[in-house]
Amino acid sequence: MTQPSRPVVIVGLPRSGTTWTLTALSQDPGIRTAPERDNEDNNPSAIYAKRHLGRYPLLEPGDAAADYRRLWAWILSGATEHRRQKWARLILGPAAKERIFDGKRDAAAWLAGVVASNPRPGRATPGDPAPTTIVAKSIHAQLAVEWLASEFDITVLVLLRHPGNVLASWQQVKLKDGRNSTLETSAAIRERFGDPWGVPQPGPDPVERMCWRIGLLTAVLEDAASRHPDWHVVTHEDLCVDPVAKFKVLCEQLGLPWTDQREEYLVDHNTPGEGFRLKRVAEDLPNSWEHRLDDDALGTLQRVLAWFPIRNWTASDFQRTTDRT
């Protein structure tokens, strides 16, 4: 099958399986990946590009966002790092991921963002291999994915995951986004989604706030995908049922060739793992929330998710099938 020229952009919640999916799709010498280059924790260029937009940019088709657009033009060209990005990483130092929280930046983060601002797409040089297919992923573009698809000729892959599994994972790894309050404190987000949907603001309980963020991001992705039948929507749980077979179908849908390397990767990494490690027993993951969430957390999750117009999961999907041990 001929490789497509259109980049593939995977958009999902933090801890929804985007890294596993990206890595599996990347097992092909003709594919180049750009993982989370719009995440200011991982890429100093994003600090500058998102300085007026926040951690989760809220954009609709037609909105002007020149710096953010330049960032994505660079990402979709392969996100080749230049000297300015490397200098910026030296400025940030080993505490880079803790320098930005709730939209606040220290002096080093501000300087690093300026140094790495507006990266330019890499230029081809004589002897370079043929152009590759770019596969990028983002865990912060949920509120801007329709804008992104209107600005660039891309193939969108929306990756969803059972909210119980997302919450359990956020709690287990003490995820930074699970402690970041920028979503529920944004007046623009409340006006665009919360008020029209009749969604109340969360209370002070940290678990309720995490559930609110999961509910919002899940509902936003579902809502956007419902208006774009050409987008591809998959769930992490479905991919886990039979990874080799399901990824073969997904690759065909995306126009990506199937490779022996991809199959070997999926088989080799189907082993126990935890935390941020990619190795997992895939068939054990779809219902892992049942023994990872206590009854209080599960009850809070069900109550908060009921506020949002979520379609992929209903009340029956949160009933335990086994005793929690």
Foldseek 3Di string as FASTA:
>chain_A
DDADQFAEEEEEAVPFCPVVLQVLLQLDVQEAEQEACCQCLVFLQNCQQCLPQPQARADAAPDDRPQVVLSVVQLQLRVDDDPLRVVLDVLCPPCSNVQAALSDHDPSSVVSNVSNYRDHHDDDDPPDDDHGHYYYYHNRHLNPVNNVVNSGVHAYEYEYEDLLLVLLLCVVQVDRVLVGQNQLPDPVNCVVFVVVLVADGFDPDSLLSSLLVSLSSQLSNVVVCVVPVRHHYDYLLVCLQDVVVVVCVVCVSVVHDDDPSSVCVVVVLLDPDDRPDSRHVSNCRRQVSLQRDDPVSLVSNLVNNVSGPHDPDDPVSSDDPDHHD
